[in-house]
C-alpha atoms as a PDB file:
ATOM      1  CA  MET A   1       2.106 -17.682  -9.404  1.00  0.00           C
ATOM      2  CA  PHE A   2       2.111 -14.424  -7.436  1.00  0.00           C
ATOM      3  CA  VAL A   3       5.486 -12.646  -7.348  1.00  0.00           C
ATOM      4  CA  ALA A   4       5.836  -9.383  -5.392  1.00  0.00           C
ATOM      5  CA  LYS A   5       8.202  -7.168  -7.369  1.00  0.00           C
ATOM      6  CA  GLY A   6       8.025  -3.557  -8.506  1.00  0.00           C
ATOM      7  CA  VAL A   7       5.689  -0.664  -7.734  1.00  0.00           C
ATOM      8  CA  TYR A   8       2.313  -1.348  -6.142  1.00  0.00           C
ATOM      9  CA  THR A   9       0.124   1.707  -5.722  1.00  0.00           C
ATOM     10  CA  ALA A  10      -1.783   1.948  -2.457  1.00  0.00           C
ATOM     11  CA  LEU A  11      -4.860   3.468  -4.049  1.00  0.00           C
ATOM     12  CA  VAL A  12      -6.815   6.344  -2.583  1.00  0.00           C
ATOM     13  CA  THR A  13     -10.594   5.940  -2.528  1.00  0.00           C
ATOM     14  CA  PRO A  14     -12.000   9.119  -4.093  1.00  0.00           C
ATOM     15  CA  PHE A  15     -15.293  10.433  -2.754  1.00  0.00           C
ATOM     16  CA  ARG A  16     -17.809  12.886  -4.186  1.00  0.00           C
ATOM     17  CA  ASN A  17     -20.909  14.035  -2.348  1.00  0.00           C
ATOM     18  CA  GLY A  18     -20.435  11.358   0.273  1.00  0.00           C
ATOM     19  CA  GLU A  19     -20.195   8.433  -2.154  1.00  0.00           C
ATOM     20  CA  VAL A  20     -17.312   6.573  -3.783  1.00  0.00           C
ATOM     21  CA  ASP A  21     -16.408   8.437  -6.985  1.00  0.00           C
ATOM     22  CA  TYR A  22     -16.058   5.526  -9.395  1.00  0.00           C
ATOM     23  CA  PRO A  23     -15.390   7.641 -12.518  1.00  0.00           C
ATOM     24  CA  ALA A  24     -12.416   9.236 -10.717  1.00  0.00           C
ATOM     25  CA  LEU A  25     -11.231   5.839  -9.483  1.00  0.00           C
ATOM     26  CA  GLY A  26     -11.431   4.526 -13.031  1.00  0.00           C
ATOM     27  CA  ARG A  27      -9.232   7.363 -14.296  1.00  0.00           C
ATOM     28  CA  ILE A  28      -6.714   6.724 -11.517  1.00  0.00           C
ATOM     29  CA  LEU A  29      -6.565   3.034 -12.434  1.00  0.00           C
ATOM     30  CA  GLU A  30      -6.051   3.722 -16.127  1.00  0.00           C
ATOM     31  CA  ARG A  31      -3.144   6.028 -15.342  1.00  0.00           C
ATOM     32  CA  GLN A  32      -1.569   3.378 -13.115  1.00  0.00           C
ATOM     33  CA  VAL A  33      -1.774   0.762 -15.855  1.00  0.00           C
ATOM     34  CA  ALA A  34      -0.366   3.169 -18.440  1.00  0.00           C
ATOM     35  CA  ALA A  35       2.546   3.942 -16.100  1.00  0.00           C
ATOM     36  CA  GLY A  36       3.488   0.266 -15.929  1.00  0.00           C
ATOM     37  CA  VAL A  37       2.966  -0.402 -12.225  1.00  0.00           C
ATOM     38  CA  ALA A  38       3.275  -4.020 -11.118  1.00  0.00           C
ATOM     39  CA  GLY A  39       0.007  -3.786  -9.248  1.00  0.00           C
ATOM     40  CA  VAL A  40      -2.525  -1.776  -7.303  1.00  0.00           C
ATOM     41  CA  VAL A  41      -3.761  -2.146  -3.737  1.00  0.00           C
ATOM     42  CA  PRO A  42      -7.382  -1.075  -3.224  1.00  0.00           C
ATOM     43  CA  VAL A  43      -8.909  -0.410   0.210  1.00  0.00           C
ATOM     44  CA  GLY A  44      -5.782  -0.496   2.301  1.00  0.00           C
ATOM     45  CA  THR A  45      -4.873   2.248   4.749  1.00  0.00           C
ATOM     46  CA  THR A  46      -4.550   4.771   1.914  1.00  0.00           C
ATOM     47  CA  GLY A  47      -7.973   3.710   0.647  1.00  0.00           C
ATOM     48  CA  GLU A  48      -9.625   4.728   3.934  1.00  0.00           C
ATOM     49  CA  SER A  49     -10.914   1.195   4.436  1.00  0.00           C
ATOM     50  CA  PRO A  50     -12.041   1.844   8.054  1.00  0.00           C
ATOM     51  CA  THR A  51     -14.599   4.405   6.836  1.00  0.00           C
ATOM     52  CA  LEU A  52     -16.070   2.228   4.074  1.00  0.00           C
ATOM     53  CA  SER A  53     -19.034  -0.031   4.673  1.00  0.00           C
ATOM     54  CA  CYS A  54     -18.502  -3.738   4.069  1.00  0.00           C
ATOM     55  CA  ARG A  55     -20.483  -3.469   0.835  1.00  0.00           C
ATOM     56  CA  GLU A  56     -18.468  -0.474  -0.362  1.00  0.00           C
ATOM     57  CA  HIS A  57     -15.232  -2.252   0.555  1.00  0.00           C
ATOM     58  CA  LEU A  58     -16.074  -5.208  -1.680  1.00  0.00           C
ATOM     59  CA  ASP A  59     -17.534  -3.009  -4.416  1.00  0.00           C
ATOM     60  CA  VAL A  60     -14.264  -1.033  -4.673  1.00  0.00           C
ATOM     61  CA  ILE A  61     -12.317  -4.284  -4.942  1.00  0.00           C
ATOM     62  CA  ALA A  62     -14.729  -5.599  -7.597  1.00  0.00           C
ATOM     63  CA  PHE A  63     -14.551  -2.358  -9.594  1.00  0.00           C
ATOM     64  CA  THR A  64     -10.758  -2.348  -9.415  1.00  0.00           C
ATOM     65  CA  ILE A  65     -10.454  -5.945 -10.605  1.00  0.00           C
ATOM     66  CA  LYS A  66     -12.947  -5.395 -13.436  1.00  0.00           C
ATOM     67  CA  THR A  67     -11.236  -2.194 -14.591  1.00  0.00           C
ATOM     68  CA  ILE A  68      -7.715  -3.605 -14.374  1.00  0.00           C
ATOM     69  CA  ALA A  69      -8.827  -6.680 -16.335  1.00  0.00           C
ATOM     70  CA  GLY A  70      -5.583  -8.570 -15.777  1.00  0.00           C
ATOM     71  CA  ARG A  71      -3.295  -5.756 -16.941  1.00  0.00           C
ATOM     72  CA  CYS A  72      -1.491  -5.677 -13.601  1.00  0.00           C
ATOM     73  CA  GLN A  73      -1.814  -7.402 -10.240  1.00  0.00           C
ATOM     74  CA  VAL A  74      -4.519  -6.522  -7.724  1.00  0.00           C
ATOM     75  CA  ILE A  75      -3.646  -6.996  -4.047  1.00  0.00           C
ATOM     76  CA  ALA A  76      -6.916  -6.528  -2.200  1.00  0.00           C
ATOM     77  CA  GLY A  77      -6.848  -4.986   1.255  1.00  0.00           C
ATOM     78  CA  THR A  78      -8.940  -7.469   3.222  1.00  0.00           C
ATOM     79  CA  GLY A  79      -7.298  -7.488   6.628  1.00  0.00           C
ATOM     80  CA  ALA A  80      -9.154  -6.987   9.898  1.00  0.00           C
ATOM     81  CA  ASN A  81      -8.594  -7.243  13.620  1.00  0.00           C
ATOM     82  CA  SER A  82     -11.080 -10.118  13.656  1.00  0.00           C
ATOM     83  CA  THR A  83      -9.767 -13.290  12.056  1.00  0.00           C
ATOM     84  CA  HIS A  84     -13.304 -14.327  11.108  1.00  0.00           C
ATOM     85  CA  GLU A  85     -13.919 -11.012   9.311  1.00  0.00           C
ATOM     86  CA  ALA A  86     -10.544 -11.182   7.556  1.00  0.00           C
ATOM     87  CA  ILE A  87     -11.385 -14.663   6.280  1.00  0.00           C
ATOM     88  CA  GLU A  88     -14.788 -13.554   4.987  1.00  0.00           C
ATOM     89  CA  LEU A  89     -13.410 -10.488   3.190  1.00  0.00           C
ATOM     90  CA  THR A  90     -10.483 -12.432   1.743  1.00  0.00           C
ATOM     91  CA  ARG A  91     -12.733 -15.220   0.511  1.00  0.00           C
ATOM     92  CA  GLU A  92     -14.897 -12.636  -1.273  1.00  0.00           C
ATOM     93  CA  ALA A  93     -11.802 -11.025  -2.817  1.00  0.00           C
ATOM     94  CA  ARG A  94     -10.615 -14.381  -4.098  1.00  0.00           C
ATOM     95  CA  GLN A  95     -13.991 -15.041  -5.707  1.00  0.00           C
ATOM     96  CA  LEU A  96     -13.849 -11.613  -7.337  1.00  0.00           C
ATOM     97  CA  GLY A  97     -10.482 -12.468  -8.886  1.00  0.00           C
ATOM     98  CA  ALA A  98      -7.882 -10.725  -6.722  1.00  0.00           C
ATOM     99  CA  ASP A  99      -4.290 -11.871  -7.228  1.00  0.00           C
ATOM    100  CA  ALA A 100      -3.367 -11.566  -3.553  1.00  0.00           C
ATOM    101  CA  THR A 101      -4.518 -10.113  -0.251  1.00  0.00           C
ATOM    102  CA  LEU A 102      -2.877  -7.481   1.952  1.00  0.00           C
ATOM    103  CA  GLN A 103      -3.347  -8.591   5.572  1.00  0.00           C
ATOM    104  CA  VAL A 104      -2.732  -5.837   8.101  1.00  0.00           C
ATOM    105  CA  THR A 105      -1.578  -6.639  11.614  1.00  0.00           C
ATOM    106  CA  PRO A 106      -4.734  -6.870  13.765  1.00  0.00           C
ATOM    107  CA  TYR A 107      -5.149  -3.474  15.360  1.00  0.00           C
ATOM    108  CA  TYR A 108      -6.446  -2.236  18.719  1.00  0.00           C
ATOM    109  CA  ASN A 109      -6.752  -5.684  20.358  1.00  0.00           C
ATOM    110  CA  LYS A 110      -2.920  -6.080  20.372  1.00  0.00           C
ATOM    111  CA  PRO A 111      -2.499  -9.855  20.027  1.00  0.00           C
ATOM    112  CA  SER A 112       0.620 -11.710  21.127  1.00  0.00           C
ATOM    113  CA  GLN A 113       3.122 -12.992  18.571  1.00  0.00           C
ATOM    114  CA  GLU A 114       1.526 -16.430  18.847  1.00  0.00           C
ATOM    115  CA  GLY A 115      -1.856 -14.831  18.198  1.00  0.00           C
ATOM    116  CA  LEU A 116      -0.467 -13.053  15.153  1.00  0.00           C
ATOM    117  CA  TYR A 117       1.025 -16.272  13.844  1.00  0.00           C
ATOM    118  CA  ARG A 118      -2.291 -18.113  14.240  1.00  0.00           C
ATOM    119  CA  HIS A 119      -4.276 -15.223  12.737  1.00  0.00           C
ATOM    120  CA  PHE A 120      -2.249 -14.946   9.533  1.00  0.00           C
ATOM    121  CA  SER A 121      -1.875 -18.723   9.220  1.00  0.00           C
ATOM    122  CA  THR A 122      -5.610 -19.260   9.553  1.00  0.00           C
ATOM    123  CA  VAL A 123      -6.442 -16.675   6.873  1.00  0.00           C
ATOM    124  CA  ALA A 124      -3.879 -18.211   4.535  1.00  0.00           C
ATOM    125  CA  ASP A 125      -4.932 -21.809   5.142  1.00  0.00           C
ATOM    126  CA  GLN A 126      -8.683 -21.276   4.997  1.00  0.00           C
ATOM    127  CA  VAL A 127      -8.749 -19.083   1.876  1.00  0.00           C
ATOM    128  CA  GLY A 128      -5.619 -20.009  -0.093  1.00  0.00           C
ATOM    129  CA  LEU A 129      -5.176 -16.573  -1.676  1.00  0.00           C
ATOM    130  CA  PRO A 130      -1.529 -15.405  -1.639  1.00  0.00           C
ATOM    131  CA  VAL A 131      -0.975 -13.288   1.460  1.00  0.00           C
ATOM    132  CA  VAL A 132       1.104 -10.133   1.775  1.00  0.00           C
ATOM    133  CA  LEU A 133       1.693  -9.504   5.471  1.00  0.00           C
ATOM    134  CA  TYR A 134       1.452  -5.843   6.474  1.00  0.00           C
ATOM    135  CA  ASN A 135       3.700  -4.768   9.327  1.00  0.00           C
ATOM    136  CA  VAL A 136       2.645  -1.279  10.443  1.00  0.00           C
ATOM    137  CA  PRO A 137       3.135  -0.962  14.207  1.00  0.00           C
ATOM    138  CA  GLY A 138       2.497   2.781  14.202  1.00  0.00           C
ATOM    139  CA  ARG A 139      -1.129   2.123  13.313  1.00  0.00           C
ATOM    140  CA  ALA A 140      -1.711  -1.400  14.575  1.00  0.00           C
ATOM    141  CA  GLY A 141      -0.053  -1.033  17.968  1.00  0.00           C
ATOM    142  CA  VAL A 142       2.064  -4.182  17.664  1.00  0.00           C
ATOM    143  CA  PRO A 143       4.781  -5.262  15.212  1.00  0.00           C
ATOM    144  CA  ILE A 144       5.067  -8.601  13.496  1.00  0.00           C
ATOM    145  CA  ALA A 145       8.315  -9.774  15.058  1.00  0.00           C
ATOM    146  CA  VAL A 146      11.033 -10.823  12.637  1.00  0.00           C
ATOM    147  CA  GLU A 147      10.913 -14.338  14.110  1.00  0.00           C
ATOM    148  CA  THR A 148       7.149 -14.452  13.491  1.00  0.00           C
ATOM    149  CA  VAL A 149       7.649 -13.395   9.862  1.00  0.00           C
ATOM    150  CA  ALA A 150      10.142 -16.252   9.518  1.00  0.00           C
ATOM    151  CA  ARG A 151       7.639 -18.754  10.970  1.00  0.00           C
ATOM    152  CA  LEU A 152       4.936 -17.499   8.617  1.00  0.00           C
ATOM    153  CA  ALA A 153       7.259 -17.609   5.592  1.00  0.00           C
ATOM    154  CA  ALA A 154       7.257 -21.404   5.849  1.00  0.00           C
ATOM    155  CA  ASN A 155       3.624 -21.331   4.702  1.00  0.00           C
ATOM    156  CA  PRO A 156       3.629 -21.430   0.868  1.00  0.00           C
ATOM    157  CA  VAL A 157       0.501 -19.240   0.730  1.00  0.00           C
ATOM    158  CA  ILE A 158       2.256 -16.381   2.538  1.00  0.00           C
ATOM    159  CA  ALA A 159       4.133 -14.712  -0.296  1.00  0.00           C
ATOM    160  CA  ALA A 160       5.495 -11.380   0.931  1.00  0.00           C
ATOM    161  CA  VAL A 161       5.629  -8.799   3.685  1.00  0.00           C
ATOM    162  CA  LYS A 162       5.029  -5.065   3.423  1.00  0.00           C
ATOM    163  CA  GLU A 163       7.394  -3.347   5.835  1.00  0.00           C
ATOM    164  CA  ALA A 164       6.001  -0.036   7.088  1.00  0.00           C
ATOM    165  CA  GLY A 165       7.741   0.133  10.443  1.00  0.00           C
ATOM    166  CA  GLY A 166      10.292   2.755   9.424  1.00  0.00           C
ATOM    167  CA  SER A 167      13.282   0.406   9.677  1.00  0.00           C
ATOM    168  CA  ALA A 168      15.453  -0.641   6.761  1.00  0.00           C
ATOM    169  CA  ASP A 169      17.334  -2.875   9.174  1.00  0.00           C
ATOM    170  CA  ARG A 170      14.298  -5.167   9.414  1.00  0.00           C
ATOM    171  CA  VAL A 171      14.802  -6.103   5.757  1.00  0.00           C
ATOM    172  CA  SER A 172      18.245  -7.479   6.554  1.00  0.00           C
ATOM    173  CA  ALA A 173      16.966  -9.178   9.702  1.00  0.00           C
ATOM    174  CA  ILE A 174      14.131 -10.902   7.831  1.00  0.00           C
ATOM    175  CA  ARG A 175      16.379 -12.001   4.979  1.00  0.00           C
ATOM    176  CA  ASP A 176      18.825 -13.387   7.523  1.00  0.00           C
ATOM    177  CA  LEU A 177      16.137 -15.762   8.813  1.00  0.00           C
ATOM    178  CA  CYS A 178      14.009 -16.655   5.777  1.00  0.00           C
ATOM    179  CA  ASP A 179      13.375 -16.219   2.084  1.00  0.00           C
ATOM    180  CA  ILE A 180      10.255 -14.084   1.633  1.00  0.00           C
ATOM    181  CA  ALA A 181       9.649 -11.169  -0.726  1.00  0.00           C
ATOM    182  CA  ILE A 182       9.816  -7.820   1.058  1.00  0.00           C
ATOM    183  CA  LEU A 183       8.116  -4.629  -0.123  1.00  0.00           C
ATOM    184  CA  SER A 184       8.854  -1.248   1.409  1.00  0.00           C
ATOM    185  CA  GLY A 185       5.821   0.398   2.967  1.00  0.00           C
ATOM    186  CA  ASP A 186       7.490   3.828   3.145  1.00  0.00           C
ATOM    187  CA  ASP A 187       8.254   5.776  -0.028  1.00  0.00           C
ATOM    188  CA  SER A 188      11.241   7.514   1.536  1.00  0.00           C
ATOM    189  CA  LEU A 189      12.802   4.157   2.501  1.00  0.00           C
ATOM    190  CA  THR A 190      12.318   2.464  -0.863  1.00  0.00           C
ATOM    191  CA  LEU A 191      15.951   2.735  -1.966  1.00  0.00           C
ATOM    192  CA  PRO A 192      17.543   1.877   1.398  1.00  0.00           C
ATOM    193  CA  MET A 193      15.307  -1.175   1.679  1.00  0.00           C
ATOM    194  CA  MET A 194      15.924  -2.257  -1.912  1.00  0.00           C
ATOM    195  CA  ALA A 195      19.666  -1.864  -1.405  1.00  0.00           C
ATOM    196  CA  VAL A 196      19.533  -4.663   1.184  1.00  0.00           C
ATOM    197  CA  GLY A 197      17.046  -6.939  -0.522  1.00  0.00           C
ATOM    198  CA  ALA A 198      13.520  -5.520  -0.821  1.00  0.00           C
ATOM    199  CA  THR A 199      11.965  -6.037  -4.254  1.00  0.00           C
ATOM    200  CA  GLY A 200       9.713  -2.996  -4.495  1.00  0.00           C
ATOM    201  CA  ILE A 201       7.325  -0.604  -2.801  1.00  0.00           C
ATOM    202  CA  VAL A 202       3.671  -0.337  -1.844  1.00  0.00           C
ATOM    203  CA  SER A 203       3.573   3.353  -2.591  1.00  0.00           C
ATOM    204  CA  VAL A 204       1.429   6.298  -1.581  1.00  0.00           C
ATOM    205  CA  ALA A 205       3.344   8.727  -3.809  1.00  0.00           C
ATOM    206  CA  SER A 206       2.637   6.674  -6.931  1.00  0.00           C
ATOM    207  CA  ASN A 207      -0.957   7.879  -6.802  1.00  0.00           C
ATOM    208  CA  LEU A 208       0.579  11.159  -7.973  1.00  0.00           C
ATOM    209  CA  ILE A 209       3.739  10.171  -9.860  1.00  0.00           C
ATOM    210  CA  PRO A 210       3.378   6.536 -10.971  1.00  0.00           C
ATOM    211  CA  GLU A 211       5.569   6.924 -14.047  1.00  0.00           C
ATOM    212  CA  ASP A 212       8.533   8.280 -12.119  1.00  0.00           C
ATOM    213  CA  LEU A 213       8.162   5.817  -9.235  1.00  0.00           C
ATOM    214  CA  VAL A 214       8.234   2.970 -11.769  1.00  0.00           C
ATOM    215  CA  ALA A 215      11.391   4.447 -13.307  1.00  0.00           C
ATOM    216  CA  MET A 216      13.038   4.744  -9.882  1.00  0.00           C
ATOM    217  CA  VAL A 217      12.181   1.216  -8.765  1.00  0.00           C
ATOM    218  CA  ASN A 218      13.031  -0.376 -12.101  1.00  0.00           C
ATOM    219  CA  ALA A 219      16.450   1.299 -11.982  1.00  0.00           C
ATOM    220  CA  ALA A 220      17.018  -0.075  -8.487  1.00  0.00           C
ATOM    221  CA  LEU A 221      15.914  -3.556  -9.551  1.00  0.00           C
ATOM    222  CA  ALA A 222      18.459  -3.352 -12.367  1.00  0.00           C
ATOM    223  CA  GLY A 223      21.172  -2.416  -9.872  1.00  0.00           C
ATOM    224  CA  ASP A 224      21.420   1.156 -11.155  1.00  0.00           C
ATOM    225  CA  PHE A 225      21.210   2.923  -7.808  1.00  0.00           C
ATOM    226  CA  ARG A 226      22.836   6.050  -9.229  1.00  0.00           C
ATOM    227  CA  THR A 227      19.841   6.663 -11.493  1.00  0.00           C
ATOM    228  CA  ALA A 228      17.416   5.553  -8.810  1.00  0.00           C
ATOM    229  CA  GLY A 229      19.038   8.011  -6.433  1.00  0.00           C
ATOM    230  CA  VAL A 230      18.411  10.884  -8.825  1.00  0.00           C
ATOM    231  CA  TRP A 231      14.685  10.106  -8.732  1.00  0.00           C
ATOM    232  CA  HIS A 232      14.770   9.731  -4.953  1.00  0.00           C
ATOM    233  CA  ARG A 233      16.402  13.104  -4.443  1.00  0.00           C
ATOM    234  CA  LYS A 234      13.926  14.779  -6.796  1.00  0.00           C
ATOM    235  CA  TYR A 235      10.959  13.519  -4.831  1.00  0.00           C
ATOM    236  CA  TYR A 236      12.288  13.163  -1.290  1.00  0.00           C
ATOM    237  CA  ARG A 237      10.390  16.233  -0.044  1.00  0.00           C
ATOM    238  CA  LEU A 238       7.199  14.847  -1.575  1.00  0.00           C
ATOM    239  CA  PHE A 239       7.759  11.463   0.085  1.00  0.00           C
ATOM    240  CA  ARG A 240       8.212  13.310   3.382  1.00  0.00           C
ATOM    241  CA  ASP A 241       5.298  15.727   3.081  1.00  0.00           C
ATOM    242  CA  LEU A 242       2.760  13.123   2.030  1.00  0.00           C
ATOM    243  CA  PHE A 243       2.911  12.182   5.716  1.00  0.00           C
ATOM    244  CA  ILE A 244       2.766  15.735   7.091  1.00  0.00           C
ATOM    245  CA  GLU A 245      -0.567  14.605   8.567  1.00  0.00           C
ATOM    246  CA  SER A 246      -2.101  11.136   8.746  1.00  0.00           C
ATOM    247  CA  ASN A 247      -2.216   9.244   5.468  1.00  0.00           C
ATOM    248  CA  PRO A 248      -4.222   9.580   3.217  1.00  0.00           C
ATOM    249  CA  ILE A 249      -5.104  13.192   4.063  1.00  0.00           C
ATOM    250  CA  PRO A 250      -2.040  14.762   2.352  1.00  0.00           C
ATOM    251  CA  VAL A 251      -2.084  12.599  -0.779  1.00  0.00           C
ATOM    252  CA  LYS A 252      -5.789  13.257  -1.335  1.00  0.00           C
ATOM    253  CA  ALA A 253      -5.158  16.976  -0.842  1.00  0.00           C
ATOM    254  CA  ALA A 254      -2.346  16.782  -3.398  1.00  0.00           C
ATOM    255  CA  MET A 255      -4.538  14.936  -5.887  1.00  0.00           C
ATOM    256  CA  ALA A 256      -7.243  17.546  -5.407  1.00  0.00           C
ATOM    257  CA  LEU A 257      -4.688  20.273  -6.141  1.00  0.00           C
ATOM    258  CA  THR A 258      -3.815  18.487  -9.395  1.00  0.00           C
ATOM    259  CA  SER A 259      -7.551  18.157 -10.188  1.00  0.00           C
ATOM    260  CA  GLU A 260      -7.600  14.352 -10.126  1.00  0.00           C
ATOM    261  CA  ILE A 261     -10.123  13.950  -7.317  1.00  0.00           C
ATOM    262  CA  ALA A 262     -12.336  16.039  -5.048  1.00  0.00           C
ATOM    263  CA  SER A 263     -10.899  17.073  -1.693  1.00  0.00           C
ATOM    264  CA  GLU A 264     -13.316  14.907   0.243  1.00  0.00           C
ATOM    265  CA  TYR A 265     -12.885  12.593   3.223  1.00  0.00           C
ATOM    266  CA  ARG A 266     -15.046  10.729   5.685  1.00  0.00           C
ATOM    267  CA  LEU A 267     -14.925  11.471   9.371  1.00  0.00           C
ATOM    268  CA  PRO A 268     -12.905  11.069  11.451  1.00  0.00           C
ATOM    269  CA  MET A 269     -10.575  11.970   8.561  1.00  0.00           C
ATOM    270  CA  CYS A 270     -10.853  15.608   7.517  1.00  0.00           C
ATOM    271  CA  GLU A 271      -9.130  18.167   5.314  1.00  0.00           C
ATOM    272  CA  LEU A 272      -5.491  19.182   5.674  1.00  0.00           C
ATOM    273  CA  SER A 273      -4.806  22.144   7.955  1.00  0.00           C
ATOM    274  CA  PRO A 274      -4.265  25.459   6.097  1.00  0.00           C
ATOM    275  CA  ALA A 275      -0.606  25.691   7.123  1.00  0.00           C
ATOM    276  CA  HIS A 276       0.127  22.153   6.012  1.00  0.00           C
ATOM    277  CA  LEU A 277      -1.761  22.714   2.764  1.00  0.00           C
ATOM    278  CA  GLU A 278       0.488  25.666   1.927  1.00  0.00           C
ATOM    279  CA  ALA A 279       3.578  23.600   2.751  1.00  0.00           C
ATOM    280  CA  LEU A 280       2.326  20.773   0.537  1.00  0.00           C
ATOM    281  CA  LYS A 281       1.641  23.183  -2.327  1.00  0.00           C
ATOM    282  CA  ALA A 282       5.193  24.470  -2.089  1.00  0.00           C
ATOM    283  CA  THR A 283       6.579  20.931  -2.161  1.00  0.00           C
ATOM    284  CA  LEU A 284       4.413  19.919  -5.125  1.00  0.00           C
ATOM    285  CA  THR A 285       5.551  22.998  -7.018  1.00  0.00           C
ATOM    286  CA  GLY A 286       9.191  22.435  -6.120  1.00  0.00           C
ATOM    287  CA  CYS A 287       9.041  18.841  -7.344  1.00  0.00           C
ATOM    288  CA  GLY A 288       7.324  19.856 -10.570  1.00  0.00           C
ATOM    289  CA  VAL A 289       4.090  17.990  -9.799  1.00  0.00           C
ATOM    290  CA  LEU A 290       2.070  21.201  -9.538  1.00  0.00           C
ATOM    291  CA  LYS A 291       2.598  23.719 -12.312  1.00  0.00           C
END
């Protein structure tokens, strides 16, 4: 049974010379497992899924599942703004052995709430892989209304929702209407959301600091918000500056600075501006990530 609880790392997809850098991805995955994360999320927003080919998308999922080998959960990013495509990708992920699927709100075509309900319900019903809804109106153009989340929560296949709308209040609103696991989609809102009922985080920062994110979230899960707050204050500037430009540009720049991956993107994503790079270096140094 899939239970959404703890730290889930929204994995970057490292590139080298225009191709997916699988040796680097393997090292990232091993560090995540060693840190004790609850799971990893390949080819979501942070994994630059829009710039991967369909074959690459599935190959990254397959590599992740094979490397993880059951040591933590794998939530495969298989959402799309076409229901048919989302079903196909999710069916492939299930066959590969994913534990769950992250289903982003269909983007660009801006469906109605009824359209969203039918989209997510159809993916869940036709594939049967546990679904984590992904509410990210800043990228998708439309939110999943709280009432729509409540309707979807009645489906036993729909297991959780990732809340990346910048509102801790939505956690309370969702819990007021239904019983569904809620994961923060914003590192800086992890503690506020957990204080009112979220059970963890789908984290960008844990690409860099998985051990400390696990310590912070585990403390919060244990009700020790004093200790969790110490971790939050230590890394608040990092949480903030990892979004100084569009994700995943800053986190990949940070991981390049710490020599974990090459500083390589695919257009239309490109390198961090020089001014922002200097600001990020200062933050990484101040937080003790960069020596």
